[in-house]
């Protein structure tokens, strides 16, 4: 995760949140890039930000979305 031209130390000092590109999010989740676009069209993916033509995902939004999709398994089974 990155902001172009900035390293993690600079982002931390400035209090900036890291963002992920569509390619980075797809790689992180292990899904094809097209799946990310399909999820966006269907309102199923994490919240995104648009900067010009670029779609970016804030790390906190990705974390929240991943947590909301946690599979707790069948209830009552061991």
C-alpha atoms as a PDB file:
ATOM      1  CA  UNK A   1       0.000   0.000   0.000  1.00  0.00           C
ATOM      2  CA  UNK A   2       1.373   3.380  -0.887  1.00  0.00           C
ATOM      3  CA  UNK A   3       0.916   6.951  -1.842  1.00  0.00           C
ATOM      4  CA  UNK A   4       2.918   7.770  -4.921  1.00  0.00           C
ATOM      5  CA  UNK A   5       6.246   9.338  -4.051  1.00  0.00           C
ATOM      6  CA  UNK A   6       5.885   8.766  -0.310  1.00  0.00           C
ATOM      7  CA  UNK A   7       7.321   6.134   1.933  1.00  0.00           C
ATOM      8  CA  UNK A   8       5.647   4.607   5.010  1.00  0.00           C
ATOM      9  CA  UNK A   9       7.621   6.855   7.366  1.00  0.00           C
ATOM     10  CA  UNK A  10       6.376  10.031   5.647  1.00  0.00           C
ATOM     11  CA  UNK A  11       2.777   8.802   5.669  1.00  0.00           C
ATOM     12  CA  UNK A  12       2.999   8.054   9.387  1.00  0.00           C
ATOM     13  CA  UNK A  13       4.536  11.443  10.182  1.00  0.00           C
ATOM     14  CA  UNK A  14       1.813  13.253   8.246  1.00  0.00           C
ATOM     15  CA  UNK A  15      -0.995  11.062   9.568  1.00  0.00           C
ATOM     16  CA  UNK A  16      -1.943   9.930   6.059  1.00  0.00           C
ATOM     17  CA  UNK A  17      -3.726   6.683   5.457  1.00  0.00           C
ATOM     18  CA  UNK A  18      -2.282   4.282   2.893  1.00  0.00           C
ATOM     19  CA  UNK A  19      -4.319   3.570  -0.237  1.00  0.00           C
ATOM     20  CA  UNK A  20      -4.401   0.554  -2.520  1.00  0.00           C
ATOM     21  CA  UNK A  21      -4.881   0.480  -6.276  1.00  0.00           C
ATOM     22  CA  UNK A  22      -7.295  -1.933  -7.944  1.00  0.00           C
ATOM     23  CA  UNK A  23      -4.318  -4.131  -8.888  1.00  0.00           C
ATOM     24  CA  UNK A  24      -3.010  -4.136  -5.315  1.00  0.00           C
ATOM     25  CA  UNK A  25      -6.430  -4.939  -3.846  1.00  0.00           C
ATOM     26  CA  UNK A  26      -6.962  -7.787  -6.317  1.00  0.00           C
ATOM     27  CA  UNK A  27      -3.528  -9.229  -5.468  1.00  0.00           C
ATOM     28  CA  UNK A  28      -4.161  -8.825  -1.723  1.00  0.00           C
ATOM     29  CA  UNK A  29      -7.517 -10.626  -1.905  1.00  0.00           C
ATOM     30  CA  UNK A  30      -6.304 -13.190  -4.439  1.00  0.00           C
ATOM     31  CA  UNK A  31      -9.043 -12.426  -6.951  1.00  0.00           C
ATOM     32  CA  UNK A  32      -8.899 -11.262 -10.580  1.00  0.00           C
ATOM     33  CA  UNK A  33      -8.875  -7.511 -11.142  1.00  0.00           C
ATOM     34  CA  UNK A  34     -12.179  -7.829 -13.020  1.00  0.00           C
ATOM     35  CA  UNK A  35     -13.791  -9.172  -9.827  1.00  0.00           C
ATOM     36  CA  UNK A  36     -12.969  -5.888  -8.062  1.00  0.00           C
ATOM     37  CA  UNK A  37     -14.644  -3.951 -10.883  1.00  0.00           C
ATOM     38  CA  UNK A  38     -17.662  -6.309 -10.842  1.00  0.00           C
ATOM     39  CA  UNK A  39     -18.038  -5.871  -7.075  1.00  0.00           C
ATOM     40  CA  UNK A  40     -17.987  -2.082  -7.512  1.00  0.00           C
ATOM     41  CA  UNK A  41     -20.693  -2.180 -10.188  1.00  0.00           C
ATOM     42  CA  UNK A  42     -22.861  -4.393  -7.971  1.00  0.00           C
ATOM     43  CA  UNK A  43     -22.156  -2.445  -4.750  1.00  0.00           C
ATOM     44  CA  UNK A  44     -20.491  -5.448  -3.095  1.00  0.00           C
ATOM     45  CA  UNK A  45     -16.881  -4.308  -2.758  1.00  0.00           C
ATOM     46  CA  UNK A  46     -15.113  -2.059  -0.270  1.00  0.00           C
ATOM     47  CA  UNK A  47     -15.702   1.682  -0.429  1.00  0.00           C
ATOM     48  CA  UNK A  48     -13.506   3.398  -2.974  1.00  0.00           C
ATOM     49  CA  UNK A  49     -12.194   6.883  -3.681  1.00  0.00           C
ATOM     50  CA  UNK A  50     -11.855   8.333  -7.154  1.00  0.00           C
ATOM     51  CA  UNK A  51      -8.881  10.580  -7.906  1.00  0.00           C
ATOM     52  CA  UNK A  52      -9.290  11.657 -11.505  1.00  0.00           C
ATOM     53  CA  UNK A  53      -9.563   8.423 -13.483  1.00  0.00           C
ATOM     54  CA  UNK A  54      -7.962   6.361 -10.740  1.00  0.00           C
ATOM     55  CA  UNK A  55      -9.902   4.236  -8.208  1.00  0.00           C
ATOM     56  CA  UNK A  56      -8.180   3.796  -4.847  1.00  0.00           C
ATOM     57  CA  UNK A  57      -9.140   1.971  -1.659  1.00  0.00           C
ATOM     58  CA  UNK A  58      -8.251   3.241   1.822  1.00  0.00           C
ATOM     59  CA  UNK A  59      -6.658   0.594   4.026  1.00  0.00           C
ATOM     60  CA  UNK A  60      -9.230   1.190   6.783  1.00  0.00           C
ATOM     61  CA  UNK A  61     -12.130   0.676   4.347  1.00  0.00           C
ATOM     62  CA  UNK A  62     -10.580  -2.570   3.097  1.00  0.00           C
ATOM     63  CA  UNK A  63     -10.091  -3.783   6.694  1.00  0.00           C
ATOM     64  CA  UNK A  64     -13.719  -2.984   7.571  1.00  0.00           C
ATOM     65  CA  UNK A  65     -15.011  -4.708   4.444  1.00  0.00           C
ATOM     66  CA  UNK A  66     -12.872  -7.803   5.063  1.00  0.00           C
ATOM     67  CA  UNK A  67     -14.037  -7.976   8.696  1.00  0.00           C
ATOM     68  CA  UNK A  68     -17.673  -7.711   7.589  1.00  0.00           C
ATOM     69  CA  UNK A  69     -17.160 -10.733   5.307  1.00  0.00           C
ATOM     70  CA  UNK A  70     -15.614 -12.996   7.920  1.00  0.00           C
ATOM     71  CA  UNK A  71     -16.966 -16.543   7.738  1.00  0.00           C
ATOM     72  CA  UNK A  72     -17.694 -17.737  11.254  1.00  0.00           C
ATOM     73  CA  UNK A  73     -18.471 -21.254  10.058  1.00  0.00           C
ATOM     74  CA  UNK A  74     -21.528 -23.339  10.796  1.00  0.00           C
ATOM     75  CA  UNK A  75     -22.987 -22.412  14.163  1.00  0.00           C
ATOM     76  CA  UNK A  76     -23.108 -25.126  16.769  1.00  0.00           C
ATOM     77  CA  UNK A  77     -20.645 -27.455  15.037  1.00  0.00           C
ATOM     78  CA  UNK A  78     -17.156 -28.385  16.120  1.00  0.00           C
END
